[in-house]
Protein backbone atom coordinates (compact mmCIF):
# COMPACT_ATOMS: atom_id res chain seq x y z
CA MET A 1 -30.92 17.90 16.94
CA THR A 2 -34.37 19.57 17.05
CA LYS A 3 -37.41 17.78 15.63
CA LEU A 4 -37.49 20.26 12.72
CA SER A 5 -33.83 19.89 11.79
CA GLY A 6 -34.14 16.12 12.25
CA LEU A 7 -37.08 16.07 9.83
CA ILE A 8 -35.12 18.15 7.30
CA PHE A 9 -32.23 15.68 7.55
CA VAL A 10 -34.53 12.70 6.94
CA LEU A 11 -36.13 14.44 3.96
CA ILE A 12 -32.70 15.10 2.47
CA LEU A 13 -31.81 11.42 2.76
CA ILE A 14 -35.08 10.42 1.10
CA ILE A 15 -34.53 12.86 -1.77
CA ILE A 16 -30.94 11.70 -2.24
CA SER A 17 -31.94 8.04 -2.43
CA THR A 18 -34.77 8.82 -4.86
CA SER A 19 -32.67 10.52 -7.54
CA ILE A 20 -29.02 11.46 -7.56
CA SER A 21 -29.08 13.20 -10.91
CA GLU A 22 -31.06 16.29 -9.91
CA ALA A 23 -30.12 19.28 -7.75
CA VAL A 24 -31.80 20.86 -4.74
CA PRO A 25 -31.69 24.47 -3.55
CA SER A 26 -28.58 25.12 -1.51
CA SER A 27 -30.64 26.69 1.27
CA ILE A 28 -31.93 23.25 2.23
CA LEU A 29 -28.42 22.04 2.92
CA GLU A 30 -26.82 25.15 4.42
CA GLU A 31 -27.65 24.07 7.96
CA ARG A 32 -25.93 20.73 7.38
CA SER A 33 -22.52 22.08 6.45
CA PRO A 34 -20.75 25.36 5.61
CA LEU A 35 -19.46 23.56 2.52
CA TYR A 36 -22.66 24.55 0.77
CA ARG A 37 -22.51 28.30 1.37
CA LYS A 38 -20.85 28.72 -1.99
CA GLU A 39 -23.43 27.97 -4.64
CA LEU A 40 -23.11 26.39 -8.05
CA ARG A 41 -25.53 28.61 -10.01
CA GLY A 42 -27.85 28.66 -7.02
CA PHE A 43 -27.83 24.93 -6.47
CA THR A 44 -25.61 22.27 -4.96
CA LEU A 45 -25.36 18.72 -6.15
CA ARG A 46 -27.03 16.71 -3.48
CA SER A 47 -24.96 13.53 -3.87
CA ALA A 48 -21.91 15.50 -2.68
CA VAL A 49 -22.99 15.27 0.96
CA PRO A 50 -20.14 14.76 3.41
CA SER A 51 -20.02 11.91 5.87
CA SER A 52 -20.64 12.57 9.54
CA ASP A 53 -17.07 11.42 10.18
CA LYS A 54 -14.80 14.20 11.40
CA THR A 55 -11.51 12.31 11.54
CA TRP A 56 -9.73 9.49 9.76
CA ASP A 57 -6.83 7.25 10.79
CA ASN A 58 -4.77 4.89 8.72
CA TRP A 59 -4.71 1.20 9.56
CA ALA A 60 -1.51 1.32 11.61
CA GLY A 61 -2.67 4.32 13.64
CA THR A 62 0.36 6.33 12.56
CA ILE A 63 -1.59 8.93 10.54
CA HIS A 64 -4.49 10.95 11.96
CA LEU A 65 -6.48 13.42 9.84
CA ALA A 66 -9.16 15.98 10.59
CA PRO A 67 -9.96 17.40 7.14
CA GLU A 68 -12.65 19.97 6.38
CA ALA A 69 -14.88 17.20 5.03
CA ILE A 70 -14.86 13.46 4.51
CA PHE A 71 -16.91 11.92 1.70
CA ARG A 72 -17.92 8.28 1.22
CA PRO A 73 -19.30 8.07 -2.33
CA THR A 74 -21.28 5.06 -3.51
CA THR A 75 -21.74 5.89 -7.21
CA LEU A 76 -19.92 7.45 -10.12
CA THR A 77 -22.31 10.40 -9.90
CA ASP A 78 -21.23 10.91 -6.30
CA LEU A 79 -17.61 11.13 -7.40
CA GLN A 80 -18.37 13.63 -10.12
CA ASP A 81 -20.45 15.79 -7.80
CA ILE A 82 -17.74 15.78 -5.12
CA VAL A 83 -15.17 16.89 -7.68
CA ASN A 84 -17.48 19.62 -8.98
CA LEU A 85 -18.17 20.80 -5.43
CA ALA A 86 -14.47 20.94 -4.61
CA ARG A 87 -13.70 22.88 -7.78
CA THR A 88 -16.51 25.36 -7.09
CA ASN A 89 -15.46 25.85 -3.46
CA GLY A 90 -11.76 26.10 -4.23
CA LYS A 91 -10.91 22.96 -2.26
CA THR A 92 -8.43 20.18 -2.96
CA ILE A 93 -8.99 16.42 -2.82
CA ARG A 94 -7.03 13.40 -1.69
CA CYS A 95 -8.33 9.84 -1.54
CA ALA A 96 -8.03 6.87 0.78
CA ALA A 97 -9.32 3.32 0.88
CA GLU A 98 -8.47 0.67 3.47
CA GLY A 99 -5.81 2.90 5.03
CA HIS A 100 -2.83 0.61 4.54
CA THR A 101 -0.73 3.41 3.08
CA TYR A 102 2.00 4.31 5.54
CA SER A 103 3.21 7.48 3.79
CA SER A 104 1.37 10.81 3.62
CA LEU A 105 -0.27 10.18 0.23
CA SER A 106 -3.79 10.47 1.68
CA VAL A 107 -3.06 13.44 3.93
CA THR A 108 -5.15 16.56 3.29
CA LYS A 109 -6.67 19.45 5.20
CA LYS A 110 -9.48 19.89 2.66
CA TYR A 111 -11.61 17.09 1.17
CA LEU A 112 -10.85 13.43 1.87
CA VAL A 113 -12.69 10.92 -0.32
CA ILE A 114 -12.97 7.36 1.02
CA VAL A 115 -13.72 5.05 -1.92
CA ASN A 116 -14.58 1.86 0.01
CA ASN A 117 -18.29 1.97 -0.88
CA LEU A 118 -17.52 1.86 -4.59
CA ASN A 119 -17.34 -1.92 -4.90
CA LYS A 120 -19.25 -3.19 -7.91
CA ILE A 121 -17.63 -5.89 -10.06
CA GLN A 122 -18.21 -7.17 -13.58
CA VAL A 123 -16.46 -10.10 -15.29
CA LEU A 124 -16.37 -9.67 -19.06
CA GLN A 125 -14.92 -11.17 -22.23
CA SER A 126 -12.81 -8.70 -24.19
CA LYS A 127 -11.83 -9.04 -27.84
CA GLN A 128 -8.35 -7.75 -27.08
CA TYR A 129 -7.62 -9.42 -23.73
CA GLY A 130 -9.98 -12.36 -23.29
CA TRP A 131 -11.54 -12.59 -19.83
CA VAL A 132 -11.14 -9.42 -17.76
CA ILE A 133 -12.64 -8.09 -14.55
CA THR A 134 -13.74 -4.50 -14.01
CA ALA A 135 -13.75 -3.47 -10.37
CA GLU A 136 -14.78 -0.16 -8.87
CA ALA A 137 -12.17 1.68 -6.85
CA GLY A 138 -13.14 0.38 -3.43
CA THR A 139 -13.43 -3.30 -4.32
CA GLN A 140 -11.38 -5.54 -2.07
CA ILE A 141 -8.97 -8.01 -3.66
CA SER A 142 -10.89 -10.78 -1.86
CA GLU A 143 -14.06 -9.73 -3.70
CA ILE A 144 -12.21 -9.79 -7.02
CA ASP A 145 -10.89 -13.27 -6.23
CA HIS A 146 -14.38 -14.51 -5.33
CA ALA A 147 -15.96 -13.13 -8.50
CA LEU A 148 -13.28 -14.77 -10.63
CA ARG A 149 -13.31 -18.09 -8.76
CA THR A 150 -17.09 -18.43 -9.10
CA ASN A 151 -17.16 -17.40 -12.74
CA ASN A 152 -17.87 -19.95 -15.46
CA PRO A 153 -15.10 -20.73 -16.33
CA PRO A 154 -13.19 -20.13 -13.06
CA LEU A 155 -10.55 -17.42 -13.42
CA ALA A 156 -7.72 -15.89 -11.39
CA LEU A 157 -5.35 -12.95 -11.27
CA SER A 158 -1.79 -13.93 -12.14
CA SER A 159 -0.46 -12.16 -9.06
CA ALA A 160 -1.75 -10.03 -6.21
CA THR A 161 -0.83 -8.63 -2.83
CA VAL A 162 -0.57 -11.02 0.13
CA LEU A 163 -3.31 -9.15 2.02
CA ASP A 164 -6.62 -9.60 0.25
CA GLU A 165 -8.39 -6.79 2.11
CA PHE A 166 -6.52 -4.18 0.08
CA ARG A 167 -8.70 -2.28 -2.38
CA ALA A 168 -8.32 -2.04 -6.13
CA ALA A 169 -7.60 1.65 -6.66
CA GLY A 170 -5.10 1.96 -3.84
CA VAL A 171 -3.15 -1.11 -4.92
CA VAL A 172 -2.90 0.22 -8.48
CA ALA A 173 -2.30 3.93 -7.87
CA THR A 174 0.53 3.41 -5.36
CA GLY A 175 2.46 0.79 -7.34
CA SER A 176 1.84 -2.15 -5.02
CA HIS A 177 3.07 -5.61 -5.96
CA GLY A 178 2.85 -9.32 -5.38
CA ALA A 179 5.62 -11.91 -5.56
CA LYS A 180 5.42 -13.11 -9.17
CA PHE A 181 8.86 -12.74 -10.72
CA ALA A 182 7.71 -12.10 -14.28
CA LEU A 183 5.07 -9.50 -13.38
CA GLY A 184 6.39 -6.36 -11.75
CA LEU A 185 3.37 -4.57 -10.31
CA ILE A 186 -0.35 -5.15 -9.84
CA ALA A 187 -0.75 -2.08 -12.07
CA ASP A 188 0.77 -4.12 -14.90
CA HIS A 189 -2.40 -6.28 -14.81
CA VAL A 190 -4.48 -3.21 -15.63
CA VAL A 191 -5.64 -2.98 -19.25
CA SER A 192 -7.84 0.08 -18.77
CA MET A 193 -8.98 2.43 -16.04
CA LYS A 194 -11.56 5.18 -15.63
CA ILE A 195 -10.69 8.35 -13.73
CA VAL A 196 -12.86 11.32 -12.75
CA ALA A 197 -10.67 14.30 -13.58
CA ALA A 198 -10.77 17.88 -12.28
CA ASP A 199 -13.50 18.94 -14.72
CA GLY A 200 -15.82 16.28 -13.29
CA LYS A 201 -15.72 14.21 -16.47
CA VAL A 202 -14.78 10.55 -16.74
CA TYR A 203 -11.73 9.67 -18.83
CA GLU A 204 -10.71 6.17 -19.84
CA PHE A 205 -7.03 5.27 -20.12
CA SER A 206 -5.65 2.21 -21.87
CA ASP A 207 -2.65 1.02 -23.84
CA ILE A 208 -4.83 0.81 -26.93
CA THR A 209 -5.96 4.45 -26.88
CA ASN A 210 -2.73 6.06 -25.63
CA PRO A 211 0.15 3.92 -24.28
CA LEU A 212 2.12 6.90 -22.95
CA GLU A 213 -0.80 8.30 -20.97
CA MET A 214 -1.55 4.80 -19.66
CA SER A 215 2.06 4.44 -18.47
CA ALA A 216 1.49 7.56 -16.37
CA ALA A 217 -2.04 6.71 -15.22
CA ARG A 218 -1.21 3.25 -13.87
CA VAL A 219 0.76 4.56 -10.89
CA ASN A 220 -0.65 8.08 -10.71
CA LEU A 221 -0.45 8.62 -6.91
CA GLY A 222 -3.90 10.22 -7.00
CA LEU A 223 -2.65 13.11 -9.15
CA PHE A 224 -4.83 12.50 -12.22
CA GLY A 225 -8.12 12.54 -10.34
CA ILE A 226 -10.20 9.93 -8.54
CA ILE A 227 -9.96 6.42 -9.95
CA TYR A 228 -13.48 5.16 -10.53
CA SER A 229 -12.69 1.69 -11.86
CA VAL A 230 -9.88 -0.54 -13.07
CA THR A 231 -10.08 -3.39 -15.56
CA LEU A 232 -7.59 -6.19 -14.99
CA ARG A 233 -6.56 -9.08 -17.19
CA THR A 234 -7.15 -12.56 -15.84
CA GLU A 235 -6.32 -16.13 -16.77
CA PRO A 236 -7.97 -19.53 -16.27
CA MET A 237 -7.80 -20.71 -12.67
CA PHE A 238 -4.52 -22.49 -11.94
CA ASN A 239 -2.65 -24.01 -9.02
CA PHE A 240 0.62 -23.26 -7.25
CA ARG A 241 2.79 -25.51 -5.16
CA LEU A 242 3.65 -23.27 -2.23
CA THR A 243 6.74 -24.46 -0.38
CA ASP A 244 8.26 -23.07 2.81
CA THR A 245 11.87 -23.87 3.69
CA LEU A 246 14.02 -22.79 6.64
CA PRO A 247 17.69 -22.80 5.60
CA LEU A 248 20.43 -21.42 7.82
CA ALA A 249 21.09 -17.81 6.86
CA LYS A 250 24.80 -18.52 6.33
CA ASP A 251 23.90 -21.27 3.83
CA PHE A 252 21.14 -19.42 2.01
CA LEU A 253 22.65 -15.94 1.71
CA VAL A 254 24.90 -17.07 -1.12
CA PRO A 255 24.33 -15.27 -4.44
CA SER A 256 24.24 -18.44 -6.55
CA VAL A 257 21.71 -20.05 -4.20
CA ILE A 258 19.34 -17.08 -4.37
CA LYS A 259 19.73 -16.70 -8.13
CA GLN A 260 18.98 -20.38 -8.78
CA LEU A 261 15.92 -20.28 -6.54
CA VAL A 262 14.44 -17.16 -8.14
CA GLU A 263 15.05 -18.30 -11.70
CA SER A 264 13.47 -21.72 -11.06
CA SER A 265 10.31 -20.31 -9.45
CA ASP A 266 7.21 -18.38 -10.43
CA GLY A 267 7.67 -16.29 -7.30
CA VAL A 268 9.86 -16.10 -4.22
CA GLU A 269 9.49 -14.26 -0.92
CA ILE A 270 12.46 -14.21 1.47
CA PHE A 271 12.14 -13.37 5.16
CA TYR A 272 14.54 -12.78 8.01
CA TRP A 273 12.91 -13.06 11.43
CA PRO A 274 15.13 -11.34 14.02
CA PHE A 275 16.85 -13.42 16.70
CA ASN A 276 15.04 -16.57 15.60
CA SER A 277 17.75 -18.83 17.08
CA TYR A 278 17.79 -17.12 20.48
CA ASN A 279 18.20 -19.65 23.27
CA GLN A 280 18.29 -18.26 26.79
CA SER A 281 19.89 -21.40 28.20
CA ALA A 282 22.66 -21.62 25.61
CA PRO A 283 26.23 -20.48 26.42
CA GLN A 284 25.79 -17.80 23.71
CA PRO A 285 22.06 -16.94 23.67
CA LEU A 286 22.43 -14.47 20.79
CA ASP A 287 24.25 -16.23 17.96
CA PRO A 288 23.59 -14.90 14.44
CA THR A 289 25.35 -17.89 12.85
CA LYS A 290 22.45 -20.08 13.99
CA ASP A 291 19.69 -17.85 12.61
CA LYS A 292 17.57 -19.18 9.77
CA MET A 293 15.86 -17.61 6.79
CA TRP A 294 12.23 -18.27 5.89
CA VAL A 295 11.84 -18.82 2.16
CA LYS A 296 8.51 -19.05 0.31
CA GLN A 297 8.49 -20.44 -3.22
CA TRP A 298 5.60 -20.51 -5.69
CA VAL A 299 5.79 -22.98 -8.58
CA ARG A 300 2.93 -23.43 -11.01
CA THR A 301 1.68 -27.01 -11.15
CA ASP A 302 -0.98 -29.27 -12.65
CA GLU A 303 -1.25 -31.13 -9.33
CA GLN A 304 -4.57 -31.00 -7.53
CA PRO A 305 -4.97 -28.94 -4.33
CA THR A 306 -3.88 -30.77 -1.20
CA LEU A 307 -6.04 -28.71 1.16
CA THR A 308 -9.83 -28.50 1.03
CA PRO A 309 -11.63 -25.15 1.28
CA GLU A 310 -12.67 -26.13 4.81
CA GLN A 311 -9.07 -26.79 5.80
CA ILE A 312 -7.97 -23.46 4.34
CA SER A 313 -10.74 -21.67 6.23
CA ALA A 314 -9.70 -23.38 9.47
CA LEU A 315 -6.08 -22.40 8.83
CA HIS A 316 -7.06 -18.77 8.29
CA ASP A 317 -9.12 -18.80 11.49
CA ALA A 318 -6.11 -20.09 13.40
CA GLN A 319 -3.86 -17.46 11.81
CA ASN A 320 -6.29 -14.71 12.80
CA LYS A 321 -6.45 -15.89 16.40
CA SER A 322 -2.69 -16.25 16.59
CA SER A 323 -2.06 -12.77 15.20
CA LEU A 324 -4.53 -11.21 17.64
CA GLN A 325 -2.62 -12.83 20.48
CA GLY A 326 0.63 -11.69 18.90
CA ASN A 327 -0.62 -8.12 18.86
CA GLN A 328 -1.14 -8.24 22.62
CA VAL A 329 2.40 -9.54 23.09
CA TYR A 330 3.86 -6.77 20.93
CA GLN A 331 1.94 -4.14 22.88
CA LEU A 332 3.69 -5.37 26.03
CA LEU A 333 7.00 -5.50 24.19
CA LEU A 334 6.87 -1.73 23.64
CA GLN A 335 7.16 -1.37 27.42
CA ASN A 336 10.08 -3.82 27.64
CA PRO A 337 12.11 -3.82 24.39
CA GLN A 338 14.90 -5.80 26.05
CA ALA A 339 12.64 -8.86 25.84
CA THR A 340 12.66 -8.69 22.03
CA PRO A 341 14.97 -11.70 21.37
CA ASN A 342 12.97 -13.94 23.67
CA VAL A 343 9.62 -12.80 22.25
CA THR A 344 10.57 -12.96 18.56
CA ALA A 345 12.22 -16.38 18.97
CA SER A 346 9.15 -17.73 20.78
CA ILE A 347 6.79 -16.45 18.09
CA TRP A 348 9.10 -17.89 15.42
CA LEU A 349 9.02 -21.34 17.02
CA GLU A 350 5.22 -21.29 17.22
CA GLY A 351 4.79 -19.86 13.73
CA PRO A 352 6.96 -19.88 10.61
CA GLY A 353 9.82 -21.74 12.28
CA LYS A 354 7.68 -24.70 13.26
CA MET A 355 8.45 -26.86 10.24
CA PRO A 356 8.98 -26.74 6.47
CA THR A 357 5.72 -27.17 4.56
CA SER A 358 4.59 -27.74 0.99
CA PHE A 359 1.01 -27.54 -0.25
CA VAL A 360 -0.75 -27.33 -3.59
CA LEU A 361 -3.34 -24.55 -3.58
CA GLN A 362 -5.49 -22.69 -6.05
CA ALA A 363 -3.76 -19.47 -7.09
CA PRO A 364 -5.65 -17.04 -4.83
CA ASP A 365 -5.19 -19.30 -1.80
CA ALA A 366 -1.46 -19.58 -2.45
CA ILE A 367 -1.05 -15.85 -3.07
CA HIS A 368 -2.98 -14.85 0.06
CA TYR A 369 -1.21 -17.43 2.19
CA GLU A 370 -1.54 -15.56 5.46
CA ALA A 371 -4.63 -14.24 7.21
CA GLY A 372 -4.42 -11.91 10.15
CA ILE A 373 -1.40 -9.84 9.15
CA GLY A 374 -3.61 -6.80 9.50
CA ASN A 375 -4.15 -7.59 13.19
CA ILE A 376 -0.61 -6.46 14.01
CA PRO A 377 -0.20 -2.75 13.16
CA ASP A 378 3.32 -2.07 12.01
CA GLU A 379 5.70 0.39 10.42
CA THR A 380 7.37 -0.59 7.16
CA LEU A 381 10.04 1.04 5.04
CA GLU A 382 10.51 -0.53 1.60
CA PHE A 383 13.06 0.40 -1.04
CA VAL A 384 13.58 -0.97 -4.53
CA PHE A 385 16.97 -1.50 -6.14
CA LYS A 386 18.23 -3.19 -9.29
CA VAL A 387 19.53 -6.71 -8.70
CA ASP A 388 23.11 -7.53 -9.63
CA PRO A 389 23.39 -10.11 -12.43
CA ASP A 390 24.77 -12.61 -9.90
CA TYR A 391 22.30 -11.57 -7.13
CA ALA A 392 25.21 -10.65 -4.86
CA ASN A 393 23.56 -7.46 -3.59
CA VAL A 394 20.43 -9.32 -2.43
CA ALA A 395 22.54 -11.58 -0.21
CA LYS A 396 24.69 -8.66 0.89
CA GLU A 397 21.76 -6.51 2.04
CA PHE A 398 20.07 -9.27 4.01
CA GLN A 399 23.37 -9.92 5.77
CA ALA A 400 23.70 -6.19 6.46
CA ILE A 401 20.27 -6.20 8.14
CA ILE A 402 21.23 -9.20 10.28
CA ASN A 403 24.53 -7.58 11.25
CA ALA A 404 22.85 -4.28 12.14
CA THR A 405 20.18 -6.06 14.19
CA TYR A 406 22.77 -7.82 16.33
CA ALA A 407 24.97 -4.71 16.56
CA ALA A 408 21.99 -2.78 17.93
CA ALA A 409 21.25 -5.59 20.39
CA ALA A 410 24.81 -5.33 21.69
CA GLN A 411 23.93 -1.72 22.57
CA ASN A 412 20.71 -2.88 24.25
CA SER A 413 18.61 -1.53 21.36
CA PHE A 414 16.03 -3.61 19.46
CA PRO A 415 14.59 -1.58 16.58
CA LEU A 416 13.72 -4.59 14.38
CA ASN A 417 11.14 -6.87 15.98
CA LEU A 418 8.96 -8.19 13.15
CA VAL A 419 10.65 -9.05 9.88
CA ALA A 420 12.93 -8.07 7.02
CA GLU A 421 11.60 -9.24 3.68
CA ALA A 422 12.38 -9.21 -0.03
CA ARG A 423 10.61 -10.06 -3.25
CA ILE A 424 12.35 -10.23 -6.63
CA LEU A 425 10.42 -8.89 -9.63
CA LYS A 426 10.91 -7.90 -13.24
CA SER A 427 10.91 -4.24 -14.23
CA THR A 428 7.91 -2.20 -15.41
CA ARG A 429 7.42 0.61 -17.92
CA THR A 430 5.04 2.43 -15.60
CA LEU A 431 6.55 5.93 -15.30
CA LEU A 432 6.46 6.58 -11.56
CA ALA A 433 7.14 3.01 -10.45
CA PRO A 434 10.36 2.58 -8.44
CA SER A 435 11.21 -0.37 -10.70
CA PHE A 436 10.76 1.61 -13.94
CA ASN A 437 13.12 0.42 -16.65
CA LEU A 438 12.73 0.19 -20.41
CA ASP A 439 14.69 -3.06 -20.31
CA PRO A 440 12.03 -5.76 -19.77
CA ASN A 441 14.66 -8.18 -18.46
CA ALA A 442 15.90 -5.90 -15.68
CA VAL A 443 15.35 -7.43 -12.25
CA TYR A 444 14.58 -5.52 -9.04
CA CYS A 445 14.65 -6.36 -5.36
CA PHE A 446 11.82 -4.95 -3.23
CA MET A 447 13.35 -5.05 0.26
CA GLU A 448 11.66 -3.92 3.45
CA VAL A 449 12.19 -3.75 7.19
CA THR A 450 9.14 -3.98 9.44
CA SER A 451 8.56 -3.49 13.16
CA TYR A 452 5.55 -3.13 15.42
CA HIS A 453 4.23 0.42 15.29
CA TYR A 454 5.95 2.91 17.60
CA THR A 455 8.90 0.58 18.27
CA PRO A 456 11.68 2.68 19.86
CA GLY A 457 14.50 3.37 17.41
CA TYR A 458 12.75 1.83 14.42
CA GLN A 459 12.64 4.91 12.21
CA THR A 460 16.32 5.66 12.80
CA PHE A 461 17.17 2.04 11.96
CA ALA A 462 14.97 2.05 8.85
CA ALA A 463 16.25 5.42 7.66
CA MET A 464 19.80 4.12 7.94
CA PHE A 465 18.97 1.41 5.41
CA GLY A 466 17.06 3.82 3.21
CA GLN A 467 20.18 5.99 3.02
CA ARG A 468 22.41 2.96 2.47
CA TRP A 469 20.32 1.70 -0.45
CA ILE A 470 20.13 5.16 -2.02
CA GLN A 471 23.88 5.69 -1.78
CA THR A 472 24.79 2.19 -2.93
CA TYR A 473 22.14 1.39 -5.54
CA LYS A 474 20.23 4.62 -6.26
CA ALA A 475 17.23 2.83 -4.79
CA LYS A 476 13.75 4.34 -4.70
CA PRO A 477 11.03 3.84 -2.08
CA HIS A 478 7.71 2.10 -2.45
CA TRP A 479 5.39 5.13 -2.49
CA ALA A 480 2.85 3.59 -0.10
CA LYS A 481 5.37 2.55 2.56
CA GLU A 482 7.30 4.81 4.95
CA TRP A 483 10.06 6.89 3.39
CA GLU A 484 9.55 10.57 4.22
CA TYR A 485 11.77 10.50 7.33
CA VAL A 486 14.82 9.38 5.32
CA PRO A 487 17.17 12.43 5.29
CA ASN A 488 17.14 14.46 2.05
CA ILE A 489 14.81 11.95 0.41
CA LYS A 490 12.65 14.48 -1.42
CA SER A 491 15.51 16.32 -3.12
CA TYR A 492 16.98 12.94 -4.04
CA LEU A 493 13.72 11.74 -5.59
CA SER A 494 13.43 14.98 -7.57
CA GLN A 495 16.60 13.97 -9.38
CA ALA A 496 16.01 10.22 -9.43
CA TYR A 497 12.60 10.68 -11.11
CA LYS A 498 13.45 13.85 -13.02
CA GLU A 499 13.01 12.46 -16.53
CA GLN A 500 9.85 10.49 -15.70
CA ILE A 501 8.29 13.39 -13.78
CA ASN A 502 8.78 15.76 -16.70
CA ILE A 503 6.87 13.35 -18.94
CA PHE A 504 4.26 12.60 -16.27
CA GLU A 505 3.62 16.28 -15.49
CA LYS A 506 2.69 17.15 -19.07
CA ILE A 507 0.02 14.45 -18.98
CA ARG A 508 -1.14 15.25 -15.44
CA ALA A 509 -1.61 18.95 -16.25
CA LYS A 510 -3.91 18.03 -19.12
CA TYR A 511 -6.40 16.46 -16.68
CA ASP A 512 -5.84 18.67 -13.63
CA PRO A 513 -4.49 22.05 -14.78
CA ASP A 514 -5.43 23.81 -11.53
CA LYS A 515 -3.97 21.10 -9.28
CA LEU A 516 -7.24 20.13 -7.63
CA PHE A 517 -5.68 16.78 -6.68
CA PHE A 518 -2.14 18.01 -6.06
CA ASP A 519 -2.59 18.44 -2.32
CA ASN A 520 0.34 16.37 -1.03
CA GLU A 521 3.26 18.38 0.32
CA SER A 522 5.85 15.66 -0.26
CA LEU A 523 4.83 15.19 -3.89
CA GLN A 524 4.71 18.96 -4.40
CA GLU A 525 8.31 19.28 -3.21
CA ILE A 526 9.52 16.35 -5.31
CA PHE A 527 7.80 17.60 -8.46
CA ARG A 528 8.92 21.18 -7.91
CA GLY A 529 12.53 20.06 -7.65
CA ALA A 530 12.30 17.84 -10.72
CA LEU A 531 10.63 20.50 -12.87
CA THR A 532 12.82 23.48 -11.91
CA ASN A 533 16.33 22.05 -11.63
């Protein structure tokens, strides 16, 4: 950069930081980017300045983008100016946050907006909902937890994702969930949200102003505009007893056992860790009848926490170190998949299989029970199906995963090397949620299979279960997880969501008639099929 151009760049930064509400002549910015060659009445909005970043990767390293421009807004004005710039230049927009979305929802060739720097928080008392928290789009769940915990009085979310580094807008817009049985999605916490639509204006959605529009906006997949903020209901801080048990799979995968556990808990998370009973010195090293399940149970309690904050911090430090070491082991495993049973059994014995545990923790500590998960990049397919009244299909599908894992091993193939997992949740009335059902008592299983990223044979293995669950239960995928490689999935979803999409589209078109935010090829194909057939 020459001294002159360097001086111009510094001056631009000074002007931007001084006032973001005025405009500067486009000639000043033309040297910075060709984005500004199209003028908006002779001026460009100077807060719509792209980042110097040229590429973006998701967390797992499975998606790589090189869009025309990447923006990192810090204010609402920034968002509005970016939208106005895109509309003027005939560009489309997709958004991203922490990058934990496995599917193509953030993929674009045009403008990518990273919302992480929008992270202001305000805890308020509402006449309608009591204590609520308003968080800008890029606020991490951990920051929400901290603001609520340190409030007077201390507050908490009723449920949240296990990983607390996820960000508010992404968790809501993609239909992400926790483990609380009675509360289907994180989006069901949301009492209102503000979205910058295609005209650059801010619109507020809530059940009070328009319940139907709110049912579409909650899980909007980025199709309404850019979420600026979400307001979530809270409750007074409370405690959970978090209990881990390790029953034999053959004893636990009994419908009545699962049903009783779920219905006597606030939340349940069920794991199968592949080959966890592997014993190289045993006469039969691979014996599925000896495998165990890992079962987490949350039960609300008035008991006092049994771990101090210092002990929890030390536990999280240990989990982080352990997962970093685990990542190195899994990197080596990609070169030698035949070692999978030995590796997964060893990690099991040093981790979840060590011993049953039971602790009383404050709600956020119990919900975010594991630190360091993000240190092991993975691939995850998750599908959602309605639970049988007797829970028989939950037991059946876990057993099917175990059987398929051992059948593959018999062929010297090891596509599952991390975990299969399920959470059981009530339905939601959010239109594009995979657990949408007008019956509030309907129960859904969110079941996933997860392996280290780039594991040989994983996608074929996962797609097999995606197809199985579609054919058997008319299951639908979690939008943010992997699903696009499942054969014929888009045409299937066109029909599975047909009624909801027709309602959703009428609302979406009101806020984005020219499809400024409709830049995702998978969603385009699904919507096109639903609206034309």
